[in-house]
């Protein structure tokens, strides 16, 4: 599966269009990560617990998007975008979407 944030895949021709595919995940903060984040806010530095959480969420959303594209018969997803939104206090959604296509 070719993944691209461009509208096309360089060197390939889009021969079939399957439409929008998407994947998402909603994650909540862990109390331990929240405590450590509070300390980092006082002393400064990267919030590694949240960085890891966001990275895991991105991988899960992309995996779900890929599964949907594969089920349609696509071999590429173009124009991929990511979005995040707050769902509730301490919980956020990471949403990945793009256009499923077949390229040659």
PDB file of N, CA and C in Angstrom:
ATOM      1  N   UNK A   1       0.850  -1.180   0.000  1.00  0.00           N
ATOM      2  CA  UNK A   1       0.000   0.000   0.000  1.00  0.00           C
ATOM      3  C   UNK A   1       0.888   1.232   0.000  1.00  0.00           C
ATOM      4  N   UNK A   2       0.689   2.086  -0.987  1.00  0.00           N
ATOM      5  CA  UNK A   2       1.429   3.342  -1.073  1.00  0.00           C
ATOM      6  C   UNK A   2       0.620   4.413  -0.343  1.00  0.00           C
ATOM      7  N   UNK A   3       1.274   5.129   0.544  1.00  0.00           N
ATOM      8  CA  UNK A   3       0.633   6.219   1.286  1.00  0.00           C
ATOM      9  C   UNK A   3       1.294   7.526   0.888  1.00  0.00           C
ATOM     10  N   UNK A   4       0.489   8.535   0.548  1.00  0.00           N
ATOM     11  CA  UNK A   4       1.049   9.809   0.106  1.00  0.00           C
ATOM     12  C   UNK A   4       0.181  10.968   0.570  1.00  0.00           C
ATOM     13  N   UNK A   5       0.842  12.049   0.977  1.00  0.00           N
ATOM     14  CA  UNK A   5       0.083  13.254   1.305  1.00  0.00           C
ATOM     15  C   UNK A   5      -0.054  14.159   0.083  1.00  0.00           C
ATOM     16  N   UNK A   6       0.474  13.707  -1.060  1.00  0.00           N
ATOM     17  CA  UNK A   6       0.306  14.421  -2.320  1.00  0.00           C
ATOM     18  C   UNK A   6      -1.004  13.989  -2.972  1.00  0.00           C
ATOM     19  N   UNK A   7      -1.442  14.737  -3.988  1.00  0.00           N
ATOM     20  CA  UNK A   7      -2.678  14.390  -4.689  1.00  0.00           C
ATOM     21  C   UNK A   7      -2.498  13.255  -5.682  1.00  0.00           C
ATOM     22  N   UNK A   8      -1.279  12.863  -5.921  1.00  0.00           N
ATOM     23  CA  UNK A   8      -0.963  11.763  -6.842  1.00  0.00           C
ATOM     24  C   UNK A   8       0.303  11.089  -6.340  1.00  0.00           C
ATOM     25  N   UNK A   9       0.641   9.953  -6.946  1.00  0.00           N
ATOM     26  CA  UNK A   9       1.886   9.261  -6.612  1.00  0.00           C
ATOM     27  C   UNK A   9       2.853   9.520  -7.755  1.00  0.00           C
ATOM     28  N   UNK A  10       3.954  10.214  -7.498  1.00  0.00           N
ATOM     29  CA  UNK A  10       4.902  10.515  -8.566  1.00  0.00           C
ATOM     30  C   UNK A  10       5.348   9.246  -9.306  1.00  0.00           C
ATOM     31  N   UNK A  11       5.312   9.307 -10.632  1.00  0.00           N
ATOM     32  CA  UNK A  11       5.732   8.183 -11.453  1.00  0.00           C
ATOM     33  C   UNK A  11       4.658   7.124 -11.654  1.00  0.00           C
ATOM     34  N   UNK A  12       3.496   7.313 -11.064  1.00  0.00           N
ATOM     35  CA  UNK A  12       2.390   6.355 -11.187  1.00  0.00           C
ATOM     36  C   UNK A  12       1.170   7.074 -11.773  1.00  0.00           C
ATOM     37  N   UNK A  13       0.288   6.289 -12.374  1.00  0.00           N
ATOM     38  CA  UNK A  13      -0.947   6.818 -12.920  1.00  0.00           C
ATOM     39  C   UNK A  13      -2.127   6.252 -12.136  1.00  0.00           C
ATOM     40  N   UNK A  14      -3.029   7.123 -11.716  1.00  0.00           N
ATOM     41  CA  UNK A  14      -4.236   6.670 -11.032  1.00  0.00           C
ATOM     42  C   UNK A  14      -5.176   6.101 -12.092  1.00  0.00           C
ATOM     43  N   UNK A  15      -5.546   4.822 -11.933  1.00  0.00           N
ATOM     44  CA  UNK A  15      -6.408   4.155 -12.913  1.00  0.00           C
ATOM     45  C   UNK A  15      -7.801   3.871 -12.360  1.00  0.00           C
ATOM     46  N   UNK A  16      -7.952   3.960 -11.050  1.00  0.00           N
ATOM     47  CA  UNK A  16      -9.267   3.753 -10.448  1.00  0.00           C
ATOM     48  C   UNK A  16      -9.354   4.550  -9.158  1.00  0.00           C
ATOM     49  N   UNK A  17     -10.543   5.083  -8.895  1.00  0.00           N
ATOM     50  CA  UNK A  17     -10.792   5.936  -7.738  1.00  0.00           C
ATOM     51  C   UNK A  17     -11.853   5.272  -6.879  1.00  0.00           C
ATOM     52  N   UNK A  18     -11.570   5.057  -5.597  1.00  0.00           N
ATOM     53  CA  UNK A  18     -12.512   4.386  -4.699  1.00  0.00           C
ATOM     54  C   UNK A  18     -13.175   5.335  -3.706  1.00  0.00           C
ATOM     55  N   UNK A  19     -12.668   6.535  -3.569  1.00  0.00           N
ATOM     56  CA  UNK A  19     -13.267   7.520  -2.675  1.00  0.00           C
ATOM     57  C   UNK A  19     -12.582   7.619  -1.321  1.00  0.00           C
ATOM     58  N   UNK A  20     -13.256   8.296  -0.431  1.00  0.00           N
ATOM     59  CA  UNK A  20     -12.717   8.596   0.896  1.00  0.00           C
ATOM     60  C   UNK A  20     -12.569   7.340   1.742  1.00  0.00           C
ATOM     61  N   UNK A  21     -11.420   7.222   2.385  1.00  0.00           N
ATOM     62  CA  UNK A  21     -11.203   6.194   3.402  1.00  0.00           C
ATOM     63  C   UNK A  21     -10.740   6.902   4.661  1.00  0.00           C
ATOM     64  N   UNK A  22     -11.009   6.284   5.795  1.00  0.00           N
ATOM     65  CA  UNK A  22     -10.703   6.955   7.052  1.00  0.00           C
ATOM     66  C   UNK A  22     -10.393   5.951   8.148  1.00  0.00           C
ATOM     67  N   UNK A  23      -9.723   6.420   9.143  1.00  0.00           N
ATOM     68  CA  UNK A  23      -9.443   5.631  10.329  1.00  0.00           C
ATOM     69  C   UNK A  23      -9.343   6.576  11.499  1.00  0.00           C
ATOM     70  N   UNK A  24      -9.785   6.126  12.655  1.00  0.00           N
ATOM     71  CA  UNK A  24      -9.673   6.990  13.819  1.00  0.00           C
ATOM     72  C   UNK A  24      -9.468   6.163  15.076  1.00  0.00           C
ATOM     73  N   UNK A  25      -9.083   6.836  16.112  1.00  0.00           N
ATOM     74  CA  UNK A  25      -8.976   6.240  17.428  1.00  0.00           C
ATOM     75  C   UNK A  25      -9.190   7.348  18.451  1.00  0.00           C
ATOM     76  N   UNK A  26      -9.764   6.971  19.558  1.00  0.00           N
ATOM     77  CA  UNK A  26      -9.963   7.923  20.654  1.00  0.00           C
ATOM     78  C   UNK A  26      -9.183   7.389  21.846  1.00  0.00           C
ATOM     79  N   UNK A  27      -8.342   8.220  22.380  1.00  0.00           N
ATOM     80  CA  UNK A  27      -7.484   7.813  23.492  1.00  0.00           C
ATOM     81  C   UNK A  27      -7.675   8.745  24.671  1.00  0.00           C
ATOM     82  N   UNK A  28      -7.557   8.176  25.844  1.00  0.00           N
ATOM     83  CA  UNK A  28      -7.637   8.955  27.081  1.00  0.00           C
ATOM     84  C   UNK A  28      -6.264   9.005  27.730  1.00  0.00           C
ATOM     85  N   UNK A  29      -6.030  10.074  28.457  1.00  0.00           N
ATOM     86  CA  UNK A  29      -4.770  10.226  29.171  1.00  0.00           C
ATOM     87  C   UNK A  29      -4.707   9.228  30.319  1.00  0.00           C
ATOM     88  N   UNK A  30      -3.514   8.786  30.607  1.00  0.00           N
ATOM     89  CA  UNK A  30      -3.235   7.873  31.710  1.00  0.00           C
ATOM     90  C   UNK A  30      -2.866   8.711  32.927  1.00  0.00           C
ATOM     91  N   UNK A  31      -3.367   8.365  34.088  1.00  0.00           N
ATOM     92  CA  UNK A  31      -3.131   9.146  35.307  1.00  0.00           C
ATOM     93  C   UNK A  31      -1.638   9.335  35.585  1.00  0.00           C
ATOM     94  N   UNK A  32      -0.836   8.304  35.325  1.00  0.00           N
ATOM     95  CA  UNK A  32       0.614   8.422  35.529  1.00  0.00           C
ATOM     96  C   UNK A  32       1.238   9.411  34.561  1.00  0.00           C
ATOM     97  N   UNK A  33       0.801   9.358  33.309  1.00  0.00           N
ATOM     98  CA  UNK A  33       1.309  10.310  32.313  1.00  0.00           C
ATOM     99  C   UNK A  33       0.879  11.728  32.678  1.00  0.00           C
ATOM    100  N   UNK A  34      -0.355  11.855  33.169  1.00  0.00           N
ATOM    101  CA  UNK A  34      -0.875  13.164  33.553  1.00  0.00           C
ATOM    102  C   UNK A  34      -0.048  13.772  34.685  1.00  0.00           C
ATOM    103  N   UNK A  35       0.320  12.949  35.654  1.00  0.00           N
ATOM    104  CA  UNK A  35       1.123  13.419  36.780  1.00  0.00           C
ATOM    105  C   UNK A  35       2.498  13.890  36.303  1.00  0.00           C
ATOM    106  N   UNK A  36       3.127  13.072  35.449  1.00  0.00           N
ATOM    107  CA  UNK A  36       4.449  13.438  34.933  1.00  0.00           C
ATOM    108  C   UNK A  36       4.370  14.690  34.061  1.00  0.00           C
ATOM    109  N   UNK A  37       3.290  14.829  33.290  1.00  0.00           N
ATOM    110  CA  UNK A  37       3.112  16.019  32.463  1.00  0.00           C
ATOM    111  C   UNK A  37       3.009  17.262  33.332  1.00  0.00           C
ATOM    112  N   UNK A  38       2.333  17.130  34.471  1.00  0.00           N
ATOM    113  CA  UNK A  38       2.224  18.249  35.401  1.00  0.00           C
ATOM    114  C   UNK A  38       3.587  18.685  35.905  1.00  0.00           C
ATOM    115  N   UNK A  39       4.454  17.720  36.200  1.00  0.00           N
ATOM    116  CA  UNK A  39       5.813  18.056  36.638  1.00  0.00           C
ATOM    117  C   UNK A  39       6.604  18.734  35.525  1.00  0.00           C
ATOM    118  N   UNK A  40       6.446  18.240  34.291  1.00  0.00           N
ATOM    119  CA  UNK A  40       7.155  18.843  33.152  1.00  0.00           C
ATOM    120  C   UNK A  40       6.698  20.278  32.919  1.00  0.00           C
ATOM    121  N   UNK A  41       5.424  20.559  33.199  1.00  0.00           N
ATOM    122  CA  UNK A  41       4.935  21.928  33.044  1.00  0.00           C
ATOM    123  C   UNK A  41       5.641  22.874  34.000  1.00  0.00           C
ATOM    124  N   UNK A  42       6.037  22.353  35.148  1.00  0.00           N
ATOM    125  CA  UNK A  42       6.744  23.174  36.130  1.00  0.00           C
ATOM    126  C   UNK A  42       8.207  23.343  35.734  1.00  0.00           C
ATOM    127  N   UNK A  43       8.861  22.235  35.348  1.00  0.00           N
ATOM    128  CA  UNK A  43      10.301  22.248  35.077  1.00  0.00           C
ATOM    129  C   UNK A  43      10.658  22.384  33.604  1.00  0.00           C
ATOM    130  N   UNK A  44       9.713  22.171  32.712  1.00  0.00           N
ATOM    131  CA  UNK A  44       9.971  22.264  31.278  1.00  0.00           C
ATOM    132  C   UNK A  44      10.451  20.943  30.715  1.00  0.00           C
ATOM    133  N   UNK A  45      10.375  20.808  29.404  1.00  0.00           N
ATOM    134  CA  UNK A  45      10.839  19.614  28.723  1.00  0.00           C
ATOM    135  C   UNK A  45       9.730  18.935  27.938  1.00  0.00           C
ATOM    136  N   UNK A  46      10.124  17.956  27.154  1.00  0.00           N
ATOM    137  CA  UNK A  46       9.181  17.216  26.319  1.00  0.00           C
ATOM    138  C   UNK A  46       8.269  16.347  27.179  1.00  0.00           C
ATOM    139  N   UNK A  47       7.015  16.277  26.799  1.00  0.00           N
ATOM    140  CA  UNK A  47       6.051  15.409  27.470  1.00  0.00           C
ATOM    141  C   UNK A  47       6.070  14.068  26.746  1.00  0.00           C
ATOM    142  N   UNK A  48       7.062  13.242  27.056  1.00  0.00           N
ATOM    143  CA  UNK A  48       7.292  12.003  26.319  1.00  0.00           C
ATOM    144  C   UNK A  48       6.107  11.041  26.380  1.00  0.00           C
ATOM    145  N   UNK A  49       5.415  10.990  27.486  1.00  0.00           N
ATOM    146  CA  UNK A  49       4.248  10.128  27.595  1.00  0.00           C
ATOM    147  C   UNK A  49       3.184  10.503  26.572  1.00  0.00           C
ATOM    148  N   UNK A  50       2.976  11.800  26.386  1.00  0.00           N
ATOM    149  CA  UNK A  50       1.988  12.261  25.411  1.00  0.00           C
ATOM    150  C   UNK A  50       2.509  12.084  23.981  1.00  0.00           C
ATOM    151  N   UNK A  51       3.799  12.254  23.791  1.00  0.00           N
ATOM    152  CA  UNK A  51       4.388  12.028  22.468  1.00  0.00           C
ATOM    153  C   UNK A  51       4.172  10.582  22.048  1.00  0.00           C
ATOM    154  N   UNK A  52       4.409   9.655  22.969  1.00  0.00           N
ATOM    155  CA  UNK A  52       4.199   8.232  22.685  1.00  0.00           C
ATOM    156  C   UNK A  52       2.726   7.936  22.425  1.00  0.00           C
ATOM    157  N   UNK A  53       1.842   8.528  23.219  1.00  0.00           N
ATOM    158  CA  UNK A  53       0.408   8.321  23.054  1.00  0.00           C
ATOM    159  C   UNK A  53      -0.060   8.800  21.681  1.00  0.00           C
ATOM    160  N   UNK A  54       0.402   9.957  21.260  1.00  0.00           N
ATOM    161  CA  UNK A  54       0.024  10.497  19.958  1.00  0.00           C
ATOM    162  C   UNK A  54       0.587   9.643  18.828  1.00  0.00           C
ATOM    163  N   UNK A  55       1.809   9.174  18.967  1.00  0.00           N
ATOM    164  CA  UNK A  55       2.425   8.313  17.957  1.00  0.00           C
ATOM    165  C   UNK A  55       1.657   6.999  17.815  1.00  0.00           C
ATOM    166  N   UNK A  56       1.302   6.384  18.935  1.00  0.00           N
ATOM    167  CA  UNK A  56       0.506   5.145  18.906  1.00  0.00           C
ATOM    168  C   UNK A  56      -0.852   5.397  18.261  1.00  0.00           C
ATOM    169  N   UNK A  57      -1.471   6.513  18.584  1.00  0.00           N
ATOM    170  CA  UNK A  57      -2.779   6.853  18.031  1.00  0.00           C
ATOM    171  C   UNK A  57      -2.697   7.047  16.521  1.00  0.00           C
ATOM    172  N   UNK A  58      -1.661   7.715  16.059  1.00  0.00           N
ATOM    173  CA  UNK A  58      -1.477   7.948  14.624  1.00  0.00           C
ATOM    174  C   UNK A  58      -1.318   6.627  13.889  1.00  0.00           C
ATOM    175  N   UNK A  59      -0.511   5.725  14.441  1.00  0.00           N
ATOM    176  CA  UNK A  59      -0.305   4.417  13.814  1.00  0.00           C
ATOM    177  C   UNK A  59      -1.611   3.633  13.736  1.00  0.00           C
ATOM    178  N   UNK A  60      -2.407   3.670  14.792  1.00  0.00           N
ATOM    179  CA  UNK A  60      -3.679   2.948  14.815  1.00  0.00           C
ATOM    180  C   UNK A  60      -4.653   3.523  13.790  1.00  0.00           C
ATOM    181  N   UNK A  61      -4.759   4.843  13.721  1.00  0.00           N
ATOM    182  CA  UNK A  61      -5.668   5.475  12.761  1.00  0.00           C
ATOM    183  C   UNK A  61      -5.255   5.159  11.322  1.00  0.00           C
ATOM    184  N   UNK A  62      -3.961   5.206  11.035  1.00  0.00           N
ATOM    185  CA  UNK A  62      -3.473   4.892   9.685  1.00  0.00           C
ATOM    186  C   UNK A  62      -3.725   3.423   9.362  1.00  0.00           C
ATOM    187  N   UNK A  63      -3.513   2.548  10.322  1.00  0.00           N
ATOM    188  CA  UNK A  63      -3.755   1.123  10.109  1.00  0.00           C
ATOM    189  C   UNK A  63      -5.217   0.867   9.751  1.00  0.00           C
ATOM    190  N   UNK A  64      -6.127   1.510  10.438  1.00  0.00           N
ATOM    191  CA  UNK A  64      -7.554   1.341  10.153  1.00  0.00           C
ATOM    192  C   UNK A  64      -7.918   1.915   8.787  1.00  0.00           C
ATOM    193  N   UNK A  65      -7.303   3.033   8.432  1.00  0.00           N
ATOM    194  CA  UNK A  65      -7.540   3.626   7.119  1.00  0.00           C
ATOM    195  C   UNK A  65      -7.037   2.694   6.017  1.00  0.00           C
ATOM    196  N   UNK A  66      -5.848   2.122   6.203  1.00  0.00           N
ATOM    197  CA  UNK A  66      -5.280   1.176   5.234  1.00  0.00           C
ATOM    198  C   UNK A  66      -6.176  -0.046   5.064  1.00  0.00           C
ATOM    199  N   UNK A  67      -6.677  -0.592   6.170  1.00  0.00           N
ATOM    200  CA  UNK A  67      -7.563  -1.755   6.108  1.00  0.00           C
ATOM    201  C   UNK A  67      -8.802  -1.449   5.270  1.00  0.00           C
ATOM    202  N   UNK A  68      -9.366  -0.268   5.470  1.00  0.00           N
ATOM    203  CA  UNK A  68     -10.549   0.109   4.711  1.00  0.00           C
ATOM    204  C   UNK A  68     -10.214   0.221   3.216  1.00  0.00           C
ATOM    205  N   UNK A  69      -9.078   0.826   2.890  1.00  0.00           N
ATOM    206  CA  UNK A  69      -8.670   0.962   1.494  1.00  0.00           C
ATOM    207  C   UNK A  69      -8.426  -0.399   0.853  1.00  0.00           C
ATOM    208  N   UNK A  70      -7.758  -1.294   1.569  1.00  0.00           N
ATOM    209  CA  UNK A  70      -7.485  -2.635   1.046  1.00  0.00           C
ATOM    210  C   UNK A  70      -8.784  -3.392   0.782  1.00  0.00           C
ATOM    211  N   UNK A  71      -9.769  -3.215   1.651  1.00  0.00           N
ATOM    212  CA  UNK A  71     -11.048  -3.918   1.466  1.00  0.00           C
ATOM    213  C   UNK A  71     -11.782  -3.442   0.218  1.00  0.00           C
ATOM    214  N   UNK A  72     -11.463  -2.240  -0.244  1.00  0.00           N
ATOM    215  CA  UNK A  72     -12.068  -1.700  -1.459  1.00  0.00           C
ATOM    216  C   UNK A  72     -11.310  -2.117  -2.720  1.00  0.00           C
ATOM    217  N   UNK A  73     -10.104  -2.668  -2.550  1.00  0.00           N
ATOM    218  CA  UNK A  73      -9.276  -3.059  -3.686  1.00  0.00           C
ATOM    219  C   UNK A  73      -8.233  -2.026  -4.078  1.00  0.00           C
ATOM    220  N   UNK A  74      -8.038  -1.024  -3.243  1.00  0.00           N
ATOM    221  CA  UNK A  74      -7.048   0.021  -3.532  1.00  0.00           C
ATOM    222  C   UNK A  74      -5.635  -0.476  -3.240  1.00  0.00           C
ATOM    223  N   UNK A  75      -4.665   0.116  -3.945  1.00  0.00           N
ATOM    224  CA  UNK A  75      -3.266  -0.181  -3.643  1.00  0.00           C
ATOM    225  C   UNK A  75      -2.502   1.083  -3.246  1.00  0.00           C
ATOM    226  N   UNK A  76      -3.247   2.195  -3.090  1.00  0.00           N
ATOM    227  CA  UNK A  76      -2.626   3.448  -2.662  1.00  0.00           C
ATOM    228  C   UNK A  76      -3.688   4.334  -2.010  1.00  0.00           C
ATOM    229  N   UNK A  77      -3.210   5.214  -1.136  1.00  0.00           N
ATOM    230  CA  UNK A  77      -4.058   6.256  -0.558  1.00  0.00           C
ATOM    231  C   UNK A  77      -3.322   7.573  -0.774  1.00  0.00           C
ATOM    232  N   UNK A  78      -4.007   8.513  -1.415  1.00  0.00           N
ATOM    233  CA  UNK A  78      -3.395   9.811  -1.701  1.00  0.00           C
ATOM    234  C   UNK A  78      -4.106  10.905  -0.910  1.00  0.00           C
ATOM    235  N   UNK A  79      -3.437  12.057  -0.851  1.00  0.00           N
ATOM    236  CA  UNK A  79      -3.977  13.238  -0.179  1.00  0.00           C
ATOM    237  C   UNK A  79      -4.329  12.952   1.283  1.00  0.00           C
ATOM    238  N   UNK A  80      -3.457  12.231   1.972  1.00  0.00           N
ATOM    239  CA  UNK A  80      -3.692  11.863   3.374  1.00  0.00           C
ATOM    240  C   UNK A  80      -3.562  13.088   4.273  1.00  0.00           C
ATOM    241  N   UNK A  81      -4.492  13.184   5.201  1.00  0.00           N
ATOM    242  CA  UNK A  81      -4.501  14.268   6.176  1.00  0.00           C
ATOM    243  C   UNK A  81      -4.785  13.689   7.562  1.00  0.00           C
ATOM    244  N   UNK A  82      -4.407  14.433   8.585  1.00  0.00           N
ATOM    245  CA  UNK A  82      -4.668  14.064   9.976  1.00  0.00           C
ATOM    246  C   UNK A  82      -5.416  15.197  10.654  1.00  0.00           C
ATOM    247  N   UNK A  83      -6.265  14.828  11.590  1.00  0.00           N
ATOM    248  CA  UNK A  83      -7.005  15.809  12.365  1.00  0.00           C
ATOM    249  C   UNK A  83      -7.094  15.306  13.800  1.00  0.00           C
ATOM    250  N   UNK A  84      -7.093  16.217  14.733  1.00  0.00           N
ATOM    251  CA  UNK A  84      -7.295  15.850  16.132  1.00  0.00           C
ATOM    252  C   UNK A  84      -8.404  16.708  16.702  1.00  0.00           C
ATOM    253  N   UNK A  85      -9.109  16.155  17.668  1.00  0.00           N
ATOM    254  CA  UNK A  85     -10.143  16.931  18.335  1.00  0.00           C
ATOM    255  C   UNK A  85     -10.309  16.415  19.756  1.00  0.00           C
ATOM    256  N   UNK A  86     -10.703  17.306  20.621  1.00  0.00           N
ATOM    257  CA  UNK A  86     -10.962  16.949  22.009  1.00  0.00           C
ATOM    258  C   UNK A  86     -12.372  16.379  22.091  1.00  0.00           C
ATOM    259  N   UNK A  87     -12.500  15.200  22.673  1.00  0.00           N
ATOM    260  CA  UNK A  87     -13.793  14.537  22.796  1.00  0.00           C
ATOM    261  C   UNK A  87     -14.413  14.798  24.167  1.00  0.00           C
ATOM    262  N   UNK A  88     -13.603  14.705  25.187  1.00  0.00           N
ATOM    263  CA  UNK A  88     -14.035  14.930  26.563  1.00  0.00           C
ATOM    264  C   UNK A  88     -12.807  15.341  27.358  1.00  0.00           C
ATOM    265  N   UNK A  89     -13.011  15.733  28.595  1.00  0.00           N
ATOM    266  CA  UNK A  89     -11.870  16.097  29.447  1.00  0.00           C
ATOM    267  C   UNK A  89     -10.909  14.918  29.513  1.00  0.00           C
ATOM    268  N   UNK A  90      -9.705  15.100  29.013  1.00  0.00           N
ATOM    269  CA  UNK A  90      -8.689  14.054  29.078  1.00  0.00           C
ATOM    270  C   UNK A  90      -8.749  13.023  27.972  1.00  0.00           C
ATOM    271  N   UNK A  91      -9.613  13.213  26.961  1.00  0.00           N
ATOM    272  CA  UNK A  91      -9.700  12.253  25.850  1.00  0.00           C
ATOM    273  C   UNK A  91      -9.697  13.010  24.528  1.00  0.00           C
ATOM    274  N   UNK A  92      -8.987  12.457  23.553  1.00  0.00           N
ATOM    275  CA  UNK A  92      -8.890  13.105  22.250  1.00  0.00           C
ATOM    276  C   UNK A  92      -9.006  12.067  21.144  1.00  0.00           C
ATOM    277  N   UNK A  93      -9.498  12.529  19.992  1.00  0.00           N
ATOM    278  CA  UNK A  93      -9.603  11.678  18.814  1.00  0.00           C
ATOM    279  C   UNK A  93      -8.510  12.064  17.832  1.00  0.00           C
ATOM    280  N   UNK A  94      -7.883  11.055  17.240  1.00  0.00           N
ATOM    281  CA  UNK A  94      -6.973  11.279  16.125  1.00  0.00           C
ATOM    282  C   UNK A  94      -7.635  10.628  14.920  1.00  0.00           C
ATOM    283  N   UNK A  95      -7.797  11.387  13.849  1.00  0.00           N
ATOM    284  CA  UNK A  95      -8.530  10.976  12.661  1.00  0.00           C
ATOM    285  C   UNK A  95      -7.605  11.103  11.457  1.00  0.00           C
ATOM    286  N   UNK A  96      -7.495  10.030  10.678  1.00  0.00           N
ATOM    287  CA  UNK A  96      -6.694  10.035   9.448  1.00  0.00           C
ATOM    288  C   UNK A  96      -7.642   9.771   8.286  1.00  0.00           C
ATOM    289  N   UNK A  97      -7.458  10.511   7.197  1.00  0.00           N
ATOM    290  CA  UNK A  97      -8.317  10.305   6.040  1.00  0.00           C
ATOM    291  C   UNK A  97      -7.570  10.610   4.757  1.00  0.00           C
ATOM    292  N   UNK A  98      -8.045  10.013   3.674  1.00  0.00           N
ATOM    293  CA  UNK A  98      -7.431  10.217   2.367  1.00  0.00           C
ATOM    294  C   UNK A  98      -8.318   9.623   1.297  1.00  0.00           C
ATOM    295  N   UNK A  99      -7.796   9.589   0.073  1.00  0.00           N
ATOM    296  CA  UNK A  99      -8.537   9.070  -1.062  1.00  0.00           C
ATOM    297  C   UNK A  99      -7.913   7.752  -1.496  1.00  0.00           C
ATOM    298  N   UNK A 100      -8.724   6.691  -1.511  1.00  0.00           N
ATOM    299  CA  UNK A 100      -8.257   5.363  -1.925  1.00  0.00           C
ATOM    300  C   UNK A 100      -8.280   5.304  -3.449  1.00  0.00           C
ATOM    301  N   UNK A 101      -7.163   4.839  -4.026  1.00  0.00           N
ATOM    302  CA  UNK A 101      -7.040   4.730  -5.477  1.00  0.00           C
ATOM    303  C   UNK A 101      -6.282   3.464  -5.839  1.00  0.00           C
ATOM    304  N   UNK A 102      -6.341   3.133  -7.124  1.00  0.00           N
ATOM    305  CA  UNK A 102      -5.485   2.081  -7.676  1.00  0.00           C
ATOM    306  C   UNK A 102      -4.534   2.771  -8.634  1.00  0.00           C
ATOM    307  N   UNK A 103      -3.244   2.502  -8.475  1.00  0.00           N
ATOM    308  CA  UNK A 103      -2.234   3.110  -9.345  1.00  0.00           C
ATOM    309  C   UNK A 103      -1.477   2.017 -10.094  1.00  0.00           C
ATOM    310  N   UNK A 104      -0.952   2.408 -11.247  1.00  0.00           N
ATOM    311  CA  UNK A 104      -0.088   1.509 -12.047  1.00  0.00           C
ATOM    312  C   UNK A 104       1.193   2.225 -12.388  1.00  0.00           C
TER     313      UNK A 104
END
